[in-house]
Amino acid sequence: FRAVTQREYEQILETGAFEVVREGSEGKHFADTIEGVRSFGEALVGIGRFRVIEAEVPDDAPSFFQWINLDGRGPARFLHICDLKDVRPQPYEEGET
């Protein structure tokens, strides 16, 4: 799961892919749980100011890095944007997990 700004959410809906956005970095962070992504989104963007997307990310990518408990918010992972070129993010629909 990934918490994104409205701008990044709209870019994902338009392109169907992860891209580097103005307020972003050369990679993407993901939370392993919906609770974790909400905690990250609220801390980084603010309550009610983020959207949640989901994607199956490769755990064998060269840039893959994983934390057991990133910032006390639960398990998370990071991948460089080049390792996400074949990943297709989707809006998270409540109740799908």
N, C-alpha and C. Protein backbone atom coordinates (compact mmCIF):
# COMPACT_ATOMS: atom_id res chain seq x y z
N PHE A 1 0.84 -1.18 0.00
CA PHE A 1 0.00 0.00 0.00
C PHE A 1 0.88 1.24 0.00
N ARG A 2 0.38 2.30 -0.62
CA ARG A 2 1.12 3.55 -0.65
C ARG A 2 0.17 4.72 -0.44
N ALA A 3 0.51 5.61 0.48
CA ALA A 3 -0.24 6.85 0.68
C ALA A 3 0.30 7.87 -0.31
N VAL A 4 -0.58 8.51 -1.04
CA VAL A 4 -0.16 9.48 -2.06
C VAL A 4 -0.95 10.77 -1.93
N THR A 5 -0.36 11.84 -2.42
CA THR A 5 -1.06 13.12 -2.48
C THR A 5 -2.12 13.04 -3.58
N GLN A 6 -3.02 13.99 -3.59
CA GLN A 6 -4.04 14.03 -4.64
C GLN A 6 -3.38 14.15 -6.02
N ARG A 7 -2.30 14.92 -6.11
CA ARG A 7 -1.60 15.09 -7.40
C ARG A 7 -1.04 13.75 -7.88
N GLU A 8 -0.38 13.01 -6.99
CA GLU A 8 0.17 11.72 -7.40
C GLU A 8 -0.95 10.73 -7.71
N TYR A 9 -2.03 10.78 -6.96
CA TYR A 9 -3.18 9.90 -7.21
C TYR A 9 -3.73 10.13 -8.63
N GLU A 10 -3.89 11.40 -8.99
CA GLU A 10 -4.40 11.73 -10.32
C GLU A 10 -3.44 11.29 -11.41
N GLN A 11 -2.13 11.44 -11.16
CA GLN A 11 -1.13 10.99 -12.13
C GLN A 11 -1.23 9.47 -12.31
N ILE A 12 -1.40 8.72 -11.23
CA ILE A 12 -1.53 7.26 -11.31
C ILE A 12 -2.78 6.87 -12.09
N LEU A 13 -3.89 7.55 -11.84
CA LEU A 13 -5.11 7.25 -12.58
C LEU A 13 -4.95 7.54 -14.07
N GLU A 14 -4.23 8.61 -14.38
CA GLU A 14 -4.03 9.01 -15.78
C GLU A 14 -3.07 8.09 -16.53
N THR A 15 -1.97 7.71 -15.88
CA THR A 15 -0.93 6.95 -16.58
C THR A 15 -0.94 5.46 -16.28
N GLY A 16 -1.52 5.07 -15.15
CA GLY A 16 -1.51 3.67 -14.75
C GLY A 16 -0.13 3.18 -14.34
N ALA A 17 0.75 4.13 -13.95
CA ALA A 17 2.12 3.76 -13.60
C ALA A 17 2.65 4.68 -12.51
N PHE A 18 3.71 4.21 -11.85
CA PHE A 18 4.43 5.07 -10.91
C PHE A 18 5.38 5.95 -11.71
N GLU A 19 5.44 7.23 -11.35
CA GLU A 19 6.36 8.17 -11.97
C GLU A 19 6.95 9.05 -10.88
N VAL A 20 8.05 9.68 -11.19
CA VAL A 20 8.61 10.66 -10.26
C VAL A 20 7.73 11.90 -10.36
N VAL A 21 7.21 12.34 -9.23
CA VAL A 21 6.39 13.55 -9.19
C VAL A 21 7.16 14.66 -8.50
N ARG A 22 6.72 15.88 -8.72
CA ARG A 22 7.45 17.05 -8.23
C ARG A 22 7.77 16.97 -6.75
N GLU A 23 6.81 16.57 -5.93
CA GLU A 23 7.05 16.53 -4.49
C GLU A 23 7.62 15.19 -4.03
N GLY A 24 7.99 14.33 -4.97
CA GLY A 24 8.46 13.00 -4.62
C GLY A 24 9.96 12.82 -4.76
N SER A 25 10.36 11.56 -4.73
CA SER A 25 11.78 11.22 -4.86
C SER A 25 11.94 10.24 -6.02
N GLU A 26 13.15 9.74 -6.20
CA GLU A 26 13.45 8.80 -7.28
C GLU A 26 12.98 7.38 -6.98
N GLY A 27 12.28 7.21 -5.89
CA GLY A 27 11.77 5.90 -5.52
C GLY A 27 10.47 6.05 -4.76
N LYS A 28 9.91 4.93 -4.37
CA LYS A 28 8.62 4.94 -3.67
C LYS A 28 8.70 4.07 -2.43
N HIS A 29 8.09 4.56 -1.37
CA HIS A 29 7.95 3.81 -0.12
C HIS A 29 6.56 3.18 -0.09
N PHE A 30 6.47 1.99 0.46
CA PHE A 30 5.22 1.26 0.58
C PHE A 30 5.09 0.72 2.00
N ALA A 31 3.88 0.71 2.51
CA ALA A 31 3.59 0.07 3.79
C ALA A 31 3.04 -1.32 3.49
N ASP A 32 3.32 -2.27 4.35
CA ASP A 32 2.85 -3.63 4.14
C ASP A 32 1.42 -3.86 4.61
N THR A 33 0.88 -2.92 5.40
CA THR A 33 -0.48 -3.08 5.91
C THR A 33 -1.28 -1.81 5.68
N ILE A 34 -2.60 -1.94 5.66
CA ILE A 34 -3.46 -0.78 5.50
C ILE A 34 -3.36 0.13 6.73
N GLU A 35 -3.19 -0.46 7.90
CA GLU A 35 -3.02 0.35 9.10
C GLU A 35 -1.74 1.18 9.02
N GLY A 36 -0.67 0.54 8.54
CA GLY A 36 0.60 1.24 8.39
C GLY A 36 0.53 2.37 7.39
N VAL A 37 -0.12 2.13 6.24
CA VAL A 37 -0.19 3.19 5.23
C VAL A 37 -1.02 4.37 5.73
N ARG A 38 -2.06 4.09 6.48
CA ARG A 38 -2.85 5.20 7.05
C ARG A 38 -2.02 6.00 8.05
N SER A 39 -1.24 5.31 8.86
CA SER A 39 -0.40 5.98 9.83
C SER A 39 0.64 6.85 9.13
N PHE A 40 1.28 6.31 8.10
CA PHE A 40 2.25 7.09 7.33
C PHE A 40 1.58 8.29 6.66
N GLY A 41 0.44 8.06 6.01
CA GLY A 41 -0.25 9.15 5.32
C GLY A 41 -0.65 10.28 6.25
N GLU A 42 -1.20 9.92 7.41
CA GLU A 42 -1.59 10.93 8.37
C GLU A 42 -0.40 11.71 8.89
N ALA A 43 0.73 11.02 9.12
CA ALA A 43 1.92 11.69 9.64
C ALA A 43 2.58 12.58 8.59
N LEU A 44 2.60 12.13 7.36
CA LEU A 44 3.33 12.85 6.32
C LEU A 44 2.50 13.91 5.60
N VAL A 45 1.23 13.66 5.41
CA VAL A 45 0.40 14.56 4.62
C VAL A 45 -0.71 15.19 5.46
N GLY A 46 -1.25 14.45 6.41
CA GLY A 46 -2.32 14.95 7.26
C GLY A 46 -3.58 14.12 7.13
N ILE A 47 -4.34 14.08 8.19
CA ILE A 47 -5.59 13.30 8.21
C ILE A 47 -6.51 13.80 7.11
N GLY A 48 -6.99 12.86 6.29
CA GLY A 48 -7.92 13.18 5.21
C GLY A 48 -7.29 13.87 4.01
N ARG A 49 -5.96 13.97 3.97
CA ARG A 49 -5.30 14.70 2.88
C ARG A 49 -4.50 13.79 1.96
N PHE A 50 -4.75 12.49 2.01
CA PHE A 50 -4.03 11.54 1.17
C PHE A 50 -4.98 10.49 0.64
N ARG A 51 -4.56 9.82 -0.42
CA ARG A 51 -5.30 8.70 -0.99
C ARG A 51 -4.43 7.47 -0.85
N VAL A 52 -5.04 6.30 -0.92
CA VAL A 52 -4.30 5.04 -0.80
C VAL A 52 -4.39 4.28 -2.11
N ILE A 53 -3.23 3.83 -2.56
CA ILE A 53 -3.19 2.95 -3.72
C ILE A 53 -2.56 1.64 -3.28
N GLU A 54 -2.74 0.63 -4.08
CA GLU A 54 -2.13 -0.66 -3.78
C GLU A 54 -1.44 -1.19 -5.03
N ALA A 55 -0.44 -2.01 -4.81
CA ALA A 55 0.31 -2.60 -5.93
C ALA A 55 1.10 -3.79 -5.43
N GLU A 56 1.29 -4.74 -6.31
CA GLU A 56 2.17 -5.88 -6.03
C GLU A 56 3.56 -5.47 -6.47
N VAL A 57 4.46 -5.26 -5.51
CA VAL A 57 5.81 -4.83 -5.85
C VAL A 57 6.77 -6.01 -5.76
N PRO A 58 7.76 -6.05 -6.65
CA PRO A 58 8.70 -7.18 -6.65
C PRO A 58 9.64 -7.14 -5.45
N ASP A 59 9.78 -8.26 -4.77
CA ASP A 59 10.71 -8.30 -3.63
C ASP A 59 12.08 -8.81 -4.04
N ASP A 60 12.28 -8.99 -5.35
CA ASP A 60 13.59 -9.40 -5.84
C ASP A 60 14.26 -8.32 -6.69
N ALA A 61 13.71 -7.11 -6.67
CA ALA A 61 14.28 -6.01 -7.44
C ALA A 61 15.62 -5.57 -6.84
N PRO A 62 16.54 -5.09 -7.67
CA PRO A 62 17.85 -4.67 -7.17
C PRO A 62 17.78 -3.60 -6.07
N SER A 63 16.82 -2.70 -6.16
CA SER A 63 16.74 -1.62 -5.18
C SER A 63 15.88 -1.94 -3.96
N PHE A 64 15.28 -3.11 -3.93
CA PHE A 64 14.37 -3.48 -2.84
C PHE A 64 15.05 -3.34 -1.48
N PHE A 65 14.39 -2.63 -0.59
CA PHE A 65 14.87 -2.50 0.78
C PHE A 65 13.66 -2.60 1.69
N GLN A 66 13.78 -3.32 2.80
CA GLN A 66 12.64 -3.55 3.68
C GLN A 66 13.00 -3.22 5.12
N TRP A 67 12.03 -2.62 5.82
CA TRP A 67 12.15 -2.33 7.25
C TRP A 67 11.14 -3.18 8.00
N ILE A 68 11.49 -3.63 9.18
CA ILE A 68 10.57 -4.37 10.02
C ILE A 68 9.54 -3.43 10.65
N ASN A 69 9.99 -2.22 11.01
CA ASN A 69 9.10 -1.27 11.68
C ASN A 69 9.58 0.16 11.40
N LEU A 70 9.30 0.66 10.22
CA LEU A 70 9.77 1.98 9.81
C LEU A 70 9.08 3.07 10.60
N ASP A 71 9.86 3.87 11.29
CA ASP A 71 9.36 5.00 12.08
C ASP A 71 8.28 4.60 13.08
N GLY A 72 8.30 3.34 13.53
CA GLY A 72 7.32 2.88 14.50
C GLY A 72 5.93 2.70 13.93
N ARG A 73 5.82 2.66 12.59
CA ARG A 73 4.52 2.56 11.94
C ARG A 73 4.29 1.21 11.26
N GLY A 74 5.20 0.28 11.45
CA GLY A 74 5.02 -1.05 10.90
C GLY A 74 5.95 -1.35 9.74
N PRO A 75 5.80 -2.55 9.18
CA PRO A 75 6.68 -2.99 8.10
C PRO A 75 6.48 -2.14 6.85
N ALA A 76 7.60 -1.86 6.17
CA ALA A 76 7.55 -1.04 4.97
C ALA A 76 8.67 -1.45 4.03
N ARG A 77 8.60 -0.99 2.81
CA ARG A 77 9.61 -1.29 1.81
C ARG A 77 9.81 -0.10 0.88
N PHE A 78 10.93 -0.11 0.17
CA PHE A 78 11.28 0.95 -0.76
C PHE A 78 11.79 0.32 -2.04
N LEU A 79 11.42 0.91 -3.17
CA LEU A 79 11.96 0.50 -4.46
C LEU A 79 12.24 1.74 -5.30
N HIS A 80 13.33 1.70 -6.04
CA HIS A 80 13.67 2.77 -6.96
C HIS A 80 12.65 2.77 -8.10
N ILE A 81 12.39 3.91 -8.66
CA ILE A 81 11.37 4.05 -9.70
C ILE A 81 11.63 3.12 -10.90
N CYS A 82 12.88 2.88 -11.24
CA CYS A 82 13.17 2.01 -12.39
C CYS A 82 12.74 0.57 -12.13
N ASP A 83 12.66 0.15 -10.87
CA ASP A 83 12.21 -1.20 -10.54
C ASP A 83 10.70 -1.31 -10.45
N LEU A 84 10.00 -0.20 -10.71
CA LEU A 84 8.54 -0.20 -10.64
C LEU A 84 7.90 -0.04 -12.02
N LYS A 85 8.70 -0.09 -13.08
CA LYS A 85 8.17 0.19 -14.42
C LYS A 85 7.09 -0.79 -14.87
N ASP A 86 7.11 -2.01 -14.41
CA ASP A 86 6.10 -2.99 -14.80
C ASP A 86 5.00 -3.18 -13.76
N VAL A 87 5.05 -2.40 -12.69
CA VAL A 87 4.05 -2.50 -11.62
C VAL A 87 2.89 -1.57 -11.96
N ARG A 88 1.68 -2.07 -11.81
CA ARG A 88 0.48 -1.29 -12.13
C ARG A 88 -0.29 -0.97 -10.85
N PRO A 89 -0.16 0.26 -10.36
CA PRO A 89 -0.87 0.65 -9.14
C PRO A 89 -2.37 0.79 -9.40
N GLN A 90 -3.14 0.52 -8.36
CA GLN A 90 -4.59 0.62 -8.42
C GLN A 90 -5.10 1.37 -7.19
N PRO A 91 -6.18 2.12 -7.33
CA PRO A 91 -6.79 2.74 -6.14
C PRO A 91 -7.21 1.64 -5.17
N TYR A 92 -6.97 1.86 -3.90
CA TYR A 92 -7.38 0.91 -2.89
C TYR A 92 -8.87 1.07 -2.63
N GLU A 93 -9.57 -0.02 -2.69
CA GLU A 93 -11.01 -0.02 -2.39
C GLU A 93 -11.19 -0.62 -1.00
N GLU A 94 -11.76 0.14 -0.12
CA GLU A 94 -11.99 -0.30 1.27
C GLU A 94 -12.62 -1.68 1.29
N GLY A 95 -12.07 -2.54 2.14
CA GLY A 95 -12.64 -3.88 2.32
C GLY A 95 -12.09 -4.93 1.38
N GLU A 96 -11.12 -4.60 0.53
CA GLU A 96 -10.57 -5.57 -0.41
C GLU A 96 -9.56 -6.50 0.20
N THR A 97 -8.92 -6.12 1.33
CA THR A 97 -7.87 -6.96 1.87
C THR A 97 -8.42 -8.09 2.71
